Structure formats: C-alpha cells, structure tokens
Amino acid sequence: MQARLITLEGIDGVGKTTHGELLVAYLAGRGLPVSTYREPGATPLGEELRQLLKRGLARSAAAELLLFATARAELVDMYVRPDLERGTWVVLDRFTESTLAYQGALGQIPEDVLRAVCTAAAGGLTPDLTLWLDIEPQAAVGRRFPLEQVLNGAAVGNPDRSAPDAIEQRSLAYFTRVRDRYVQFERETRGRIVRIDAEGSIEETQVLIRWVVDEKLKQWSSGGEYV
C-alpha cells in the first residue's frame, strides 16, 4: 500500500500530541512503517523557529506567517517527502490547515496570499487524511492551563513549556475564530478533513480516531478515493 500523510489539527488543548503518539503506535501495530513530526519543529531550524514563535518575537502577522512557512518548508524537504518516497507513512502534529486557521484568524493577510504561501511551504503536498480534533475553545483553555498549573507557574506533564506561550495567550475570541475556520475547511474538503469529537476521554476519542483510520485504510487498500 502506498505511504500516506496523516495530519492532526485543532486548537491548542485538544490533545493532538497525545493522540498523535497513540495513532503512530496503532499504525505500527498494523505493520505499517511510520514516522511522526511536530510543527513547527523536528528539524534544527524548525526547533529554533519554534522558540522564536513561542516567545512572540514576530511582531507582525506577515512575519509570523513566514516563520511558520520556513519551518514547514524545511521539514517537508528534510523529512516528510523523503519518508513518503521511501514508503514510510507520516503523522504530523499540525500542517497547512494550522497556518490557514491560526494566521487566517488574525485577519491581516489576504486569503489568496495566505494560501499561496502555504502551498509553497508544503511543497505541493496535501495530506491524505486530516483528523480535526474538535472541542469548544473555552474547554480547550481549561485543558491547557488548569488553575493549579497556572498558580504553580508550570504546565504539568508538558516539559516543552513552563508558561503559556505568545499564541496560547491570545483571546478566547481569537480561538473561536480559529475553530470557525476549521469548520469551514471541513466543509470544503469533501472528506479529506474529518471532524473528531474530542470532548470525551482519551480512550473515547481514540475509538473515534481508529474507526476513521480503519475506514480510510480499507479505501486505500482497495484503491478507493475519499468518500
């Protein structure tokens, strides 16, 4: 079976990292060679840019967009495309839809420019399946920063940060606009983006993810296209 690119999307706090790791283990258990990467990051340049973005050093929407695009272009060139070409499946924690949702929600960059930059950064790659983990923005805030974590000045269980980063500190209204854009993308993509209700437990959400993935595996193994 041809190697496939699967991406996980959603606003901060939906559990993409956890579910990405579980999905990788599930695919490996099915006997598929699989690698996983996060955005921005994974490459030396990407990790440096990740820290700049988390600190909010990009002071304009255009600068922020181009930093994300640079990290993605490097990741695609160094790892994603070579993995796919050698027959390794790839699971990505964020990809093009994240940029379209997050930078688009700022409302400062024309949509055609935003999409052109995203296409260039992805090197023309489009995911075979995007799992959009969806919860209400208010609930996502509570998941990211429970009261005791805020009071202690640390995000328990996430060594990648000790406090909310620059993007995570944006308003609830902003994250509502981000979610609204994911809703729009799901409607536009004819089955490539699949909404996963992530309001339940990890186990409940994994059941939904694996059902969707199993259905896609059946389609792909039989040469079928998107439903």
Protein backbone atom coordinates (compact mmCIF):
# COMPACT_ATOMS: atom_id res chain seq x y z
CA MET A 1 0.00 0.00 0.00
CA GLN A 2 1.24 3.48 -0.85
CA ALA A 3 2.57 5.51 2.09
CA ARG A 4 0.15 8.18 3.31
CA LEU A 5 0.40 11.53 5.04
CA ILE A 6 -1.93 11.93 8.03
CA THR A 7 -2.18 15.21 9.93
CA LEU A 8 -3.75 16.12 13.25
CA GLU A 9 -5.31 19.54 13.64
CA GLY A 10 -7.25 21.59 16.15
CA ILE A 11 -6.94 24.47 18.57
CA ASP A 12 -4.42 24.29 21.40
CA GLY A 13 -5.51 21.95 24.16
CA VAL A 14 -7.41 19.35 22.11
CA GLY A 15 -4.81 16.62 22.67
CA LYS A 16 -3.10 16.42 19.28
CA THR A 17 0.26 15.34 20.68
CA THR A 18 -1.21 12.57 22.83
CA HIS A 19 -3.45 11.26 20.08
CA GLY A 20 -0.69 11.54 17.51
CA GLU A 21 1.54 9.29 19.61
CA LEU A 22 -1.28 6.79 20.10
CA LEU A 23 -2.06 6.82 16.38
CA VAL A 24 1.58 6.16 15.47
CA ALA A 25 1.62 3.18 17.84
CA TYR A 26 -1.65 1.92 16.31
CA LEU A 27 -0.36 2.17 12.74
CA ALA A 28 2.92 0.49 13.70
CA GLY A 29 0.88 -2.28 15.30
CA ARG A 30 -0.83 -2.75 11.93
CA GLY A 31 2.61 -3.43 10.45
CA LEU A 32 3.00 -0.06 8.73
CA PRO A 33 6.33 1.81 8.76
CA VAL A 34 5.54 5.20 10.26
CA SER A 35 7.32 8.33 11.43
CA THR A 36 5.98 11.38 13.24
CA TYR A 37 6.95 15.04 13.49
CA ARG A 38 5.60 18.21 15.09
CA GLU A 39 5.14 21.67 13.66
CA PRO A 40 6.93 23.91 13.95
CA GLY A 41 9.96 21.86 14.88
CA ALA A 42 11.57 18.48 14.18
CA THR A 43 14.48 19.99 12.21
CA PRO A 44 17.28 22.06 13.78
CA LEU A 45 15.98 25.19 12.03
CA GLY A 46 12.39 24.34 12.90
CA GLU A 47 13.18 24.00 16.60
CA GLU A 48 14.93 27.38 16.63
CA LEU A 49 11.97 29.00 14.90
CA ARG A 50 9.59 27.27 17.32
CA GLN A 51 11.24 29.04 20.23
CA LEU A 52 11.09 32.41 18.46
CA LEU A 53 7.40 31.96 17.74
CA LYS A 54 6.59 30.79 21.27
CA ARG A 55 8.26 33.93 22.65
CA GLY A 56 6.22 36.16 20.33
CA LEU A 57 9.22 37.79 18.70
CA ALA A 58 7.41 38.06 15.36
CA ARG A 59 5.64 41.38 15.76
CA SER A 60 3.60 41.30 12.53
CA ALA A 61 1.20 38.76 11.05
CA ALA A 62 3.32 38.56 7.90
CA ALA A 63 6.49 37.82 9.85
CA GLU A 64 4.71 35.13 11.88
CA LEU A 65 3.32 33.54 8.73
CA LEU A 66 6.73 33.41 7.06
CA LEU A 67 8.42 31.92 10.11
CA PHE A 68 5.88 29.10 10.20
CA ALA A 69 6.25 28.65 6.45
CA THR A 70 10.03 28.47 6.70
CA ALA A 71 9.86 25.78 9.39
CA ARG A 72 7.38 23.77 7.30
CA ALA A 73 9.41 24.02 4.09
CA GLU A 74 12.48 22.69 5.91
CA LEU A 75 10.51 19.83 7.50
CA VAL A 76 8.95 18.78 4.19
CA ASP A 77 12.28 18.86 2.38
CA MET A 78 14.33 17.12 5.06
CA TYR A 79 11.92 14.50 6.37
CA VAL A 80 8.33 14.35 5.15
CA ARG A 81 8.82 13.96 1.41
CA PRO A 82 11.82 11.58 1.73
CA ASP A 83 9.88 9.41 4.19
CA LEU A 84 6.87 9.18 1.89
CA GLU A 85 9.04 8.41 -1.12
CA ARG A 86 10.71 5.52 0.68
CA GLY A 87 7.33 4.09 1.70
CA THR A 88 7.14 5.37 5.29
CA TRP A 89 3.82 6.73 6.49
CA VAL A 90 3.99 10.15 8.16
CA VAL A 91 1.86 11.51 11.01
CA LEU A 92 2.18 15.26 11.53
CA ASP A 93 1.17 17.25 14.59
CA ARG A 94 -0.13 20.26 12.59
CA PHE A 95 0.35 21.14 8.93
CA THR A 96 -1.13 23.56 6.39
CA GLU A 97 -4.58 23.88 7.99
CA SER A 98 -2.98 25.18 11.18
CA THR A 99 -1.48 28.11 9.31
CA LEU A 100 -4.67 28.77 7.37
CA ALA A 101 -6.66 28.70 10.63
CA TYR A 102 -4.33 30.50 13.02
CA GLN A 103 -2.82 33.13 10.75
CA GLY A 104 -6.11 33.50 8.89
CA ALA A 105 -7.93 34.21 12.15
CA LEU A 106 -5.72 37.25 12.64
CA GLY A 107 -7.49 38.79 9.64
CA GLN A 108 -4.42 40.72 8.49
CA ILE A 109 -3.30 38.76 5.43
CA PRO A 110 -5.34 38.39 2.22
CA GLU A 111 -6.65 34.85 1.81
CA ASP A 112 -5.05 34.34 -1.59
CA VAL A 113 -1.64 35.35 -0.24
CA LEU A 114 -2.07 33.13 2.80
CA ARG A 115 -2.95 30.11 0.67
CA ALA A 116 -0.14 30.75 -1.82
CA VAL A 117 2.46 30.85 0.98
CA CYS A 118 1.02 27.66 2.49
CA THR A 119 1.14 25.84 -0.85
CA ALA A 120 4.75 26.86 -1.39
CA ALA A 121 5.80 25.87 2.12
CA ALA A 122 4.19 22.43 1.78
CA GLY A 123 5.97 21.83 -1.49
CA GLY A 124 2.65 20.95 -3.06
CA LEU A 125 1.93 18.18 -0.53
CA THR A 126 -1.67 17.69 0.59
CA PRO A 127 -2.49 15.29 3.45
CA ASP A 128 -4.30 12.09 2.56
CA LEU A 129 -6.28 12.42 5.79
CA THR A 130 -6.61 15.21 8.33
CA LEU A 131 -8.06 14.41 11.74
CA TRP A 132 -9.55 17.58 13.17
CA LEU A 133 -9.84 17.16 16.94
CA ASP A 134 -12.62 19.48 17.95
CA ILE A 135 -13.68 20.87 21.32
CA GLU A 136 -15.14 24.19 22.37
CA PRO A 137 -12.47 26.89 22.78
CA GLN A 138 -13.42 27.54 26.42
CA ALA A 139 -12.92 23.86 27.28
CA ALA A 140 -9.58 23.86 25.46
CA VAL A 141 -8.33 26.73 27.63
CA GLY A 142 -9.20 24.73 30.74
CA ARG A 143 -7.33 21.70 29.43
CA ARG A 144 -4.22 23.67 28.59
CA PHE A 145 -3.97 25.55 31.85
CA PRO A 146 -5.82 24.09 34.82
CA LEU A 147 -5.90 26.51 37.75
CA GLU A 148 -3.29 24.63 39.79
CA GLN A 149 -0.83 24.74 36.88
CA VAL A 150 -1.26 28.47 36.48
CA LEU A 151 -0.78 29.04 40.22
CA ASN A 152 2.35 26.90 40.22
CA GLY A 153 3.74 28.64 37.17
CA ALA A 154 4.21 25.34 35.32
CA ALA A 155 2.37 23.21 32.81
CA VAL A 156 2.41 19.78 34.42
CA GLY A 157 3.21 16.97 32.03
CA ASN A 158 4.44 19.27 29.24
CA PRO A 159 8.17 19.93 29.57
CA ASP A 160 8.10 21.89 26.31
CA ARG A 161 6.95 24.99 28.18
CA SER A 162 6.70 26.40 31.66
CA ALA A 163 4.07 29.04 30.91
CA PRO A 164 1.54 29.94 28.20
CA ASP A 165 3.37 30.92 25.03
CA ALA A 166 2.62 34.00 22.93
CA ILE A 167 -0.02 32.35 20.78
CA GLU A 168 -1.68 30.50 23.66
CA GLN A 169 -2.17 33.85 25.43
CA ARG A 170 -4.42 35.16 22.69
CA SER A 171 -8.07 35.82 23.46
CA LEU A 172 -10.93 33.37 23.58
CA ALA A 173 -12.48 35.31 20.70
CA TYR A 174 -9.37 34.62 18.63
CA PHE A 175 -9.53 30.85 19.27
CA THR A 176 -13.22 30.92 18.42
CA ARG A 177 -12.31 32.39 15.02
CA VAL A 178 -9.65 29.69 14.61
CA ARG A 179 -12.23 26.99 15.27
CA ASP A 180 -14.67 28.64 12.86
CA ARG A 181 -12.07 28.35 10.12
CA TYR A 182 -11.62 24.64 10.81
CA VAL A 183 -15.39 24.26 10.43
CA GLN A 184 -15.12 25.96 7.04
CA PHE A 185 -12.21 23.77 5.93
CA GLU A 186 -14.06 20.58 6.83
CA ARG A 187 -16.95 21.62 4.59
CA GLU A 188 -14.62 22.42 1.69
CA THR A 189 -12.54 19.26 1.56
CA ARG A 190 -15.05 16.50 0.67
CA GLY A 191 -13.98 14.00 3.32
CA ARG A 192 -10.24 14.66 3.49
CA ILE A 193 -10.70 16.54 6.78
CA VAL A 194 -12.71 14.52 9.31
CA ARG A 195 -14.06 16.09 12.49
CA ILE A 196 -13.35 14.07 15.63
CA ASP A 197 -15.37 14.96 18.73
CA ALA A 198 -12.57 15.27 21.30
CA GLU A 199 -14.76 16.35 24.24
CA GLY A 200 -14.63 12.87 25.79
CA SER A 201 -11.85 10.92 27.42
CA ILE A 202 -8.63 9.95 25.67
CA GLU A 203 -9.96 6.42 25.27
CA GLU A 204 -13.26 7.60 23.78
CA THR A 205 -11.51 9.92 21.35
CA GLN A 206 -9.11 7.17 20.30
CA VAL A 207 -12.01 4.90 19.45
CA LEU A 208 -13.33 7.56 17.06
CA ILE A 209 -9.89 8.17 15.54
CA ARG A 210 -9.22 4.48 14.96
CA TRP A 211 -12.64 3.96 13.38
CA VAL A 212 -11.94 6.74 10.87
CA VAL A 213 -8.42 5.49 10.18
CA ASP A 214 -9.61 1.91 9.71
CA GLU A 215 -12.21 3.07 7.19
CA LYS A 216 -9.58 5.00 5.28
CA LEU A 217 -7.21 2.02 5.33
CA LYS A 218 -9.94 -0.05 3.70
CA GLN A 219 -10.41 2.59 0.99
CA TRP A 220 -6.71 2.95 0.34
CA SER A 221 -6.02 -0.78 0.24
CA SER A 222 -8.77 -1.21 -2.35
CA GLY A 223 -7.65 1.77 -4.40
CA GLY A 224 -10.65 3.86 -3.39
CA GLU A 225 -10.71 7.62 -3.08
CA TYR A 226 -12.33 9.89 -0.50
CA VAL A 227 -15.96 9.29 0.28
